Amino acid sequence: MTPDLSLLRRAVDLAGENAAAGQLPFGALVVRAGEVLATGVNTALRDFDPSAHAEVEAVRAACRTLGTLDLRGAEIYSSCEPCEMCRTAAISAGIAVIWYAAAGADIPDLRYPVPAPAGFTAVQEKVEDPNEPFDRYLAQL
């Protein structure tokens, strides 16, 4: 498996264009068999959406364009090392590799995102019949 460096350069160029527009400097492409299925840039500041990272936006656009949640066989080319959310979006869509240009450790402080709260946790609490929505969905298939 070898990346197409021209596609990686295109992701970096998208990031530069986004920065010139006053947005966070991140760009990404979803590519399958050499064809660019979709592109995305970080629109978190513009849209007040902390999930609007370039990779997530590119995955969303590719899925909408193709009318599917299944992007197996596709790759992401990103201007920067993906965060955990972007990695998870790629994995959820069946994408097995993200090629990236800039290492996260090398990125200067962009004064975003909001720092993670100390001691973040997710806690399950018991409620009556929490699986009912899942059962209802499966019954419709």
N, C-alpha and C. Protein backbone atom coordinates (compact mmCIF):
# COMPACT_ATOMS: atom_id res chain seq x y z
N MET A 1 0.86 -1.17 0.00
CA MET A 1 0.00 0.00 0.00
C MET A 1 0.91 1.24 0.00
N THR A 2 0.70 2.09 -0.98
CA THR A 2 1.51 3.30 -1.12
C THR A 2 0.59 4.49 -1.33
N PRO A 3 0.84 5.60 -0.62
CA PRO A 3 -0.02 6.77 -0.80
C PRO A 3 0.28 7.49 -2.12
N ASP A 4 -0.71 8.19 -2.61
CA ASP A 4 -0.56 9.07 -3.77
C ASP A 4 -0.22 10.45 -3.21
N LEU A 5 1.04 10.84 -3.33
CA LEU A 5 1.49 12.10 -2.73
C LEU A 5 0.82 13.32 -3.33
N SER A 6 0.34 13.22 -4.56
CA SER A 6 -0.37 14.36 -5.15
C SER A 6 -1.71 14.58 -4.43
N LEU A 7 -2.34 13.50 -3.98
CA LEU A 7 -3.58 13.62 -3.22
C LEU A 7 -3.31 14.17 -1.82
N LEU A 8 -2.21 13.76 -1.24
CA LEU A 8 -1.83 14.30 0.06
C LEU A 8 -1.55 15.80 -0.06
N ARG A 9 -0.88 16.19 -1.13
CA ARG A 9 -0.62 17.61 -1.38
C ARG A 9 -1.93 18.37 -1.55
N ARG A 10 -2.90 17.74 -2.22
CA ARG A 10 -4.21 18.38 -2.41
C ARG A 10 -4.91 18.62 -1.06
N ALA A 11 -4.77 17.67 -0.14
CA ALA A 11 -5.34 17.86 1.21
C ALA A 11 -4.69 19.04 1.91
N VAL A 12 -3.37 19.16 1.77
CA VAL A 12 -2.66 20.29 2.39
C VAL A 12 -3.09 21.60 1.74
N ASP A 13 -3.28 21.59 0.43
CA ASP A 13 -3.75 22.79 -0.27
C ASP A 13 -5.15 23.20 0.20
N LEU A 14 -6.03 22.21 0.40
CA LEU A 14 -7.37 22.50 0.93
C LEU A 14 -7.27 23.16 2.30
N ALA A 15 -6.36 22.65 3.13
CA ALA A 15 -6.16 23.23 4.46
C ALA A 15 -5.71 24.68 4.36
N GLY A 16 -4.80 24.95 3.43
CA GLY A 16 -4.32 26.32 3.23
C GLY A 16 -5.43 27.25 2.77
N GLU A 17 -6.26 26.78 1.86
CA GLU A 17 -7.39 27.57 1.38
C GLU A 17 -8.37 27.84 2.52
N ASN A 18 -8.57 26.84 3.37
CA ASN A 18 -9.49 27.01 4.50
C ASN A 18 -8.93 28.04 5.49
N ALA A 19 -7.62 27.99 5.72
CA ALA A 19 -6.99 28.97 6.60
C ALA A 19 -7.12 30.37 6.03
N ALA A 20 -6.95 30.50 4.71
CA ALA A 20 -7.08 31.81 4.05
C ALA A 20 -8.50 32.36 4.19
N ALA A 21 -9.47 31.48 4.37
CA ALA A 21 -10.87 31.88 4.55
C ALA A 21 -11.19 32.15 6.02
N GLY A 22 -10.16 32.11 6.88
CA GLY A 22 -10.36 32.40 8.30
C GLY A 22 -10.81 31.22 9.12
N GLN A 23 -10.71 30.03 8.55
CA GLN A 23 -11.12 28.82 9.26
C GLN A 23 -9.89 28.03 9.72
N LEU A 24 -10.12 27.02 10.52
CA LEU A 24 -9.00 26.19 11.00
C LEU A 24 -8.35 25.48 9.81
N PRO A 25 -7.03 25.38 9.80
CA PRO A 25 -6.29 24.92 8.62
C PRO A 25 -6.20 23.40 8.48
N PHE A 26 -7.33 22.79 8.15
CA PHE A 26 -7.37 21.34 7.98
C PHE A 26 -8.19 21.00 6.74
N GLY A 27 -7.68 20.04 5.95
CA GLY A 27 -8.38 19.58 4.76
C GLY A 27 -8.23 18.08 4.59
N ALA A 28 -9.19 17.44 3.95
CA ALA A 28 -9.15 15.99 3.76
C ALA A 28 -9.91 15.59 2.51
N LEU A 29 -9.53 14.44 1.97
CA LEU A 29 -10.20 13.85 0.82
C LEU A 29 -10.51 12.39 1.12
N VAL A 30 -11.65 11.91 0.63
CA VAL A 30 -11.96 10.48 0.65
C VAL A 30 -11.76 10.01 -0.78
N VAL A 31 -10.92 8.98 -0.94
CA VAL A 31 -10.50 8.51 -2.26
C VAL A 31 -10.68 6.99 -2.33
N ARG A 32 -11.21 6.52 -3.47
CA ARG A 32 -11.28 5.08 -3.71
C ARG A 32 -10.82 4.81 -5.13
N ALA A 33 -9.89 3.88 -5.28
CA ALA A 33 -9.36 3.50 -6.59
C ALA A 33 -8.88 4.72 -7.37
N GLY A 34 -8.25 5.66 -6.68
CA GLY A 34 -7.71 6.84 -7.33
C GLY A 34 -8.72 7.94 -7.61
N GLU A 35 -10.01 7.69 -7.36
CA GLU A 35 -11.06 8.68 -7.60
C GLU A 35 -11.40 9.41 -6.30
N VAL A 36 -11.39 10.73 -6.34
CA VAL A 36 -11.78 11.53 -5.18
C VAL A 36 -13.30 11.49 -5.08
N LEU A 37 -13.78 10.88 -4.00
CA LEU A 37 -15.22 10.76 -3.78
C LEU A 37 -15.78 12.02 -3.15
N ALA A 38 -14.99 12.64 -2.27
CA ALA A 38 -15.45 13.84 -1.57
C ALA A 38 -14.26 14.52 -0.91
N THR A 39 -14.45 15.80 -0.62
CA THR A 39 -13.46 16.55 0.13
C THR A 39 -14.14 17.16 1.35
N GLY A 40 -13.32 17.57 2.29
CA GLY A 40 -13.86 18.24 3.47
C GLY A 40 -12.82 19.17 4.05
N VAL A 41 -13.30 20.23 4.66
CA VAL A 41 -12.45 21.14 5.41
C VAL A 41 -13.05 21.33 6.78
N ASN A 42 -12.25 21.79 7.71
CA ASN A 42 -12.73 22.00 9.06
C ASN A 42 -13.62 23.25 9.09
N THR A 43 -14.87 23.07 9.47
CA THR A 43 -15.81 24.18 9.56
C THR A 43 -16.30 24.41 10.99
N ALA A 44 -15.55 23.94 11.96
CA ALA A 44 -15.96 24.03 13.37
C ALA A 44 -16.21 25.47 13.80
N LEU A 45 -15.34 26.39 13.45
CA LEU A 45 -15.51 27.79 13.86
C LEU A 45 -16.71 28.42 13.18
N ARG A 46 -16.85 28.21 11.90
CA ARG A 46 -17.94 28.79 11.13
C ARG A 46 -19.30 28.26 11.58
N ASP A 47 -19.35 26.94 11.79
CA ASP A 47 -20.63 26.29 12.08
C ASP A 47 -20.90 26.10 13.56
N PHE A 48 -19.97 26.52 14.41
CA PHE A 48 -20.10 26.29 15.86
C PHE A 48 -20.38 24.81 16.12
N ASP A 49 -19.59 23.96 15.46
CA ASP A 49 -19.77 22.51 15.51
C ASP A 49 -18.42 21.85 15.81
N PRO A 50 -18.21 21.42 17.05
CA PRO A 50 -16.92 20.82 17.38
C PRO A 50 -16.64 19.50 16.68
N SER A 51 -17.63 18.92 16.01
CA SER A 51 -17.41 17.68 15.28
C SER A 51 -17.11 17.91 13.81
N ALA A 52 -17.07 19.15 13.36
CA ALA A 52 -16.92 19.45 11.93
C ALA A 52 -15.45 19.49 11.51
N HIS A 53 -14.75 18.42 11.80
CA HIS A 53 -13.36 18.28 11.38
C HIS A 53 -13.32 17.89 9.91
N ALA A 54 -12.20 18.16 9.25
CA ALA A 54 -12.09 17.93 7.81
C ALA A 54 -12.36 16.47 7.44
N GLU A 55 -11.78 15.54 8.18
CA GLU A 55 -11.96 14.13 7.86
C GLU A 55 -13.42 13.71 8.03
N VAL A 56 -14.05 14.18 9.11
CA VAL A 56 -15.46 13.86 9.34
C VAL A 56 -16.33 14.46 8.24
N GLU A 57 -16.05 15.69 7.86
CA GLU A 57 -16.81 16.34 6.79
C GLU A 57 -16.64 15.60 5.46
N ALA A 58 -15.43 15.14 5.18
CA ALA A 58 -15.19 14.40 3.94
C ALA A 58 -15.93 13.06 3.95
N VAL A 59 -15.92 12.37 5.08
CA VAL A 59 -16.66 11.10 5.19
C VAL A 59 -18.16 11.35 5.03
N ARG A 60 -18.67 12.38 5.70
CA ARG A 60 -20.10 12.71 5.57
C ARG A 60 -20.47 12.98 4.11
N ALA A 61 -19.65 13.78 3.43
CA ALA A 61 -19.93 14.13 2.04
C ALA A 61 -19.87 12.91 1.13
N ALA A 62 -18.89 12.05 1.34
CA ALA A 62 -18.78 10.84 0.52
C ALA A 62 -19.99 9.93 0.73
N CYS A 63 -20.40 9.76 1.96
CA CYS A 63 -21.55 8.91 2.25
C CYS A 63 -22.82 9.48 1.63
N ARG A 64 -23.02 10.79 1.73
CA ARG A 64 -24.20 11.42 1.12
C ARG A 64 -24.18 11.26 -0.40
N THR A 65 -23.04 11.53 -0.99
CA THR A 65 -22.92 11.45 -2.45
C THR A 65 -23.21 10.05 -2.96
N LEU A 66 -22.67 9.05 -2.27
CA LEU A 66 -22.84 7.67 -2.71
C LEU A 66 -24.13 7.02 -2.19
N GLY A 67 -24.78 7.66 -1.22
CA GLY A 67 -26.00 7.10 -0.65
C GLY A 67 -25.75 5.83 0.13
N THR A 68 -24.64 5.82 0.87
CA THR A 68 -24.29 4.63 1.65
C THR A 68 -23.48 5.03 2.88
N LEU A 69 -23.45 4.15 3.86
CA LEU A 69 -22.58 4.32 5.02
C LEU A 69 -21.31 3.50 4.86
N ASP A 70 -21.21 2.73 3.79
CA ASP A 70 -20.13 1.78 3.58
C ASP A 70 -19.09 2.35 2.61
N LEU A 71 -17.97 2.75 3.15
CA LEU A 71 -16.87 3.29 2.32
C LEU A 71 -15.67 2.34 2.29
N ARG A 72 -15.94 1.05 2.50
CA ARG A 72 -14.83 0.09 2.44
C ARG A 72 -14.10 0.23 1.11
N GLY A 73 -12.78 0.09 1.17
CA GLY A 73 -11.95 0.23 -0.01
C GLY A 73 -11.48 1.65 -0.25
N ALA A 74 -12.06 2.61 0.48
CA ALA A 74 -11.65 4.01 0.36
C ALA A 74 -10.54 4.32 1.35
N GLU A 75 -9.85 5.40 1.08
CA GLU A 75 -8.79 5.91 1.95
C GLU A 75 -9.05 7.38 2.20
N ILE A 76 -8.51 7.89 3.29
CA ILE A 76 -8.57 9.32 3.55
C ILE A 76 -7.17 9.88 3.41
N TYR A 77 -7.09 11.02 2.74
CA TYR A 77 -5.86 11.80 2.67
C TYR A 77 -6.12 13.06 3.46
N SER A 78 -5.31 13.30 4.49
CA SER A 78 -5.55 14.41 5.41
C SER A 78 -4.32 15.30 5.53
N SER A 79 -4.57 16.57 5.72
CA SER A 79 -3.48 17.52 5.89
C SER A 79 -2.76 17.33 7.22
N CYS A 80 -3.41 16.68 8.16
CA CYS A 80 -2.86 16.57 9.52
C CYS A 80 -3.22 15.21 10.13
N GLU A 81 -2.44 14.80 11.08
CA GLU A 81 -2.70 13.56 11.81
C GLU A 81 -4.11 13.62 12.41
N PRO A 82 -4.92 12.61 12.18
CA PRO A 82 -6.31 12.67 12.63
C PRO A 82 -6.44 12.46 14.14
N CYS A 83 -7.42 13.16 14.70
CA CYS A 83 -7.74 12.97 16.12
C CYS A 83 -8.54 11.67 16.28
N GLU A 84 -8.85 11.33 17.50
CA GLU A 84 -9.59 10.09 17.77
C GLU A 84 -10.99 10.12 17.15
N MET A 85 -11.65 11.27 17.15
CA MET A 85 -12.98 11.35 16.56
C MET A 85 -12.92 11.08 15.06
N CYS A 86 -11.92 11.65 14.39
CA CYS A 86 -11.78 11.46 12.95
C CYS A 86 -11.42 10.01 12.63
N ARG A 87 -10.57 9.42 13.43
CA ARG A 87 -10.23 8.01 13.25
C ARG A 87 -11.48 7.14 13.41
N THR A 88 -12.28 7.46 14.42
CA THR A 88 -13.49 6.69 14.67
C THR A 88 -14.49 6.83 13.53
N ALA A 89 -14.64 8.03 12.98
CA ALA A 89 -15.53 8.22 11.83
C ALA A 89 -15.07 7.38 10.65
N ALA A 90 -13.76 7.36 10.41
CA ALA A 90 -13.22 6.56 9.31
C ALA A 90 -13.48 5.08 9.54
N ILE A 91 -13.20 4.61 10.72
CA ILE A 91 -13.41 3.20 11.05
C ILE A 91 -14.89 2.84 10.91
N SER A 92 -15.77 3.71 11.38
CA SER A 92 -17.21 3.46 11.32
C SER A 92 -17.71 3.34 9.89
N ALA A 93 -17.02 3.99 8.96
CA ALA A 93 -17.42 3.92 7.55
C ALA A 93 -16.68 2.82 6.80
N GLY A 94 -15.81 2.08 7.48
CA GLY A 94 -15.10 0.98 6.83
C GLY A 94 -13.79 1.39 6.17
N ILE A 95 -13.33 2.59 6.42
CA ILE A 95 -12.06 3.06 5.85
C ILE A 95 -10.91 2.50 6.70
N ALA A 96 -9.95 1.88 6.04
CA ALA A 96 -8.88 1.19 6.75
C ALA A 96 -7.60 2.00 6.92
N VAL A 97 -7.44 3.09 6.15
CA VAL A 97 -6.19 3.85 6.25
C VAL A 97 -6.45 5.35 6.07
N ILE A 98 -5.74 6.13 6.87
CA ILE A 98 -5.70 7.58 6.71
C ILE A 98 -4.25 7.96 6.49
N TRP A 99 -3.97 8.54 5.34
CA TRP A 99 -2.64 9.06 5.04
C TRP A 99 -2.65 10.53 5.48
N TYR A 100 -1.63 10.97 6.22
CA TYR A 100 -1.63 12.36 6.67
C TYR A 100 -0.27 12.99 6.49
N ALA A 101 -0.27 14.33 6.38
CA ALA A 101 0.95 15.09 6.12
C ALA A 101 1.60 15.56 7.42
N ALA A 102 0.97 16.43 8.16
CA ALA A 102 1.58 17.01 9.37
C ALA A 102 1.30 16.14 10.58
N ALA A 103 2.32 15.93 11.39
CA ALA A 103 2.15 15.19 12.65
C ALA A 103 1.48 16.10 13.68
N GLY A 104 0.58 15.54 14.45
CA GLY A 104 -0.12 16.31 15.46
C GLY A 104 0.81 17.01 16.43
N ALA A 105 1.89 16.36 16.79
CA ALA A 105 2.84 16.93 17.74
C ALA A 105 3.53 18.17 17.19
N ASP A 106 3.54 18.33 15.87
CA ASP A 106 4.22 19.46 15.24
C ASP A 106 3.32 20.67 15.01
N ILE A 107 2.05 20.54 15.32
CA ILE A 107 1.11 21.63 15.07
C ILE A 107 1.19 22.65 16.20
N PRO A 108 1.30 23.93 15.87
CA PRO A 108 1.33 24.95 16.92
C PRO A 108 -0.02 25.06 17.60
N ASP A 109 -0.06 25.74 18.73
CA ASP A 109 -1.31 25.98 19.44
C ASP A 109 -2.19 26.89 18.60
N LEU A 110 -3.29 26.38 18.11
CA LEU A 110 -4.22 27.14 17.28
C LEU A 110 -5.32 27.81 18.11
N ARG A 111 -5.21 27.69 19.42
CA ARG A 111 -6.20 28.23 20.37
C ARG A 111 -7.58 27.60 20.17
N TYR A 112 -7.54 26.38 19.71
CA TYR A 112 -8.74 25.56 19.57
C TYR A 112 -8.24 24.13 19.43
N PRO A 113 -8.84 23.13 19.93
CA PRO A 113 -10.18 23.07 20.50
C PRO A 113 -10.20 23.47 21.97
N VAL A 114 -11.39 23.42 22.52
CA VAL A 114 -11.57 23.67 23.93
C VAL A 114 -10.83 22.55 24.67
N PRO A 115 -10.07 22.87 25.71
CA PRO A 115 -9.36 21.81 26.44
C PRO A 115 -10.33 20.77 27.02
N ALA A 116 -9.90 19.54 27.00
CA ALA A 116 -10.72 18.46 27.55
C ALA A 116 -10.88 18.67 29.06
N PRO A 117 -12.07 18.42 29.59
CA PRO A 117 -12.26 18.58 31.03
C PRO A 117 -11.46 17.52 31.79
N ALA A 118 -10.97 17.90 32.94
CA ALA A 118 -10.25 16.94 33.78
C ALA A 118 -11.25 15.90 34.28
N GLY A 119 -10.86 14.65 34.17
CA GLY A 119 -11.70 13.58 34.72
C GLY A 119 -12.94 13.28 33.92
N PHE A 120 -12.92 13.50 32.60
CA PHE A 120 -14.09 13.15 31.79
C PHE A 120 -14.43 11.68 31.97
N THR A 121 -15.72 11.39 32.02
CA THR A 121 -16.17 10.01 32.11
C THR A 121 -17.55 9.86 31.47
N ALA A 122 -17.86 8.66 31.07
CA ALA A 122 -19.20 8.31 30.60
C ALA A 122 -19.72 7.23 31.54
N VAL A 123 -20.93 7.40 32.04
CA VAL A 123 -21.45 6.51 33.08
C VAL A 123 -22.79 5.93 32.64
N GLN A 124 -22.91 4.61 32.67
CA GLN A 124 -24.18 3.97 32.36
C GLN A 124 -25.07 3.98 33.60
N GLU A 125 -26.31 4.33 33.41
CA GLU A 125 -27.31 4.26 34.47
C GLU A 125 -28.44 3.38 33.97
N LYS A 126 -29.00 2.60 34.85
CA LYS A 126 -30.07 1.68 34.47
C LYS A 126 -31.41 2.41 34.37
N VAL A 127 -32.12 2.16 33.28
CA VAL A 127 -33.50 2.62 33.10
C VAL A 127 -34.29 1.44 32.58
N GLU A 128 -35.58 1.53 32.67
CA GLU A 128 -36.42 0.43 32.22
C GLU A 128 -36.35 0.28 30.71
N ASP A 129 -36.12 -0.92 30.25
CA ASP A 129 -36.14 -1.31 28.84
C ASP A 129 -35.27 -0.43 27.93
N PRO A 130 -33.98 -0.32 28.23
CA PRO A 130 -33.12 0.53 27.41
C PRO A 130 -32.88 -0.01 26.00
N ASN A 131 -33.16 -1.29 25.77
CA ASN A 131 -32.92 -1.90 24.46
C ASN A 131 -34.13 -1.81 23.53
N GLU A 132 -35.21 -1.24 24.00
CA GLU A 132 -36.43 -1.17 23.18
C GLU A 132 -36.21 -0.50 21.83
N PRO A 133 -35.49 0.62 21.75
CA PRO A 133 -35.28 1.23 20.42
C PRO A 133 -34.54 0.32 19.45
N PHE A 134 -33.60 -0.46 19.96
CA PHE A 134 -32.86 -1.40 19.11
C PHE A 134 -33.77 -2.50 18.61
N ASP A 135 -34.58 -3.02 19.52
CA ASP A 135 -35.53 -4.07 19.13
C ASP A 135 -36.52 -3.55 18.09
N ARG A 136 -37.00 -2.33 18.28
CA ARG A 136 -37.96 -1.73 17.34
C ARG A 136 -37.33 -1.59 15.96
N TYR A 137 -36.08 -1.13 15.92
CA TYR A 137 -35.40 -0.98 14.64
C TYR A 137 -35.25 -2.32 13.95
N LEU A 138 -34.77 -3.34 14.67
CA LEU A 138 -34.55 -4.65 14.08
C LEU A 138 -35.84 -5.28 13.59
N ALA A 139 -36.95 -4.99 14.28
CA ALA A 139 -38.25 -5.54 13.87
C ALA A 139 -38.70 -4.98 12.53
N GLN A 140 -38.19 -3.81 12.15
CA GLN A 140 -38.58 -3.17 10.90
C GLN A 140 -37.78 -3.69 9.70
N LEU A 141 -36.71 -4.38 9.96
CA LEU A 141 -35.84 -4.84 8.85
C LEU A 141 -36.45 -6.00 8.10
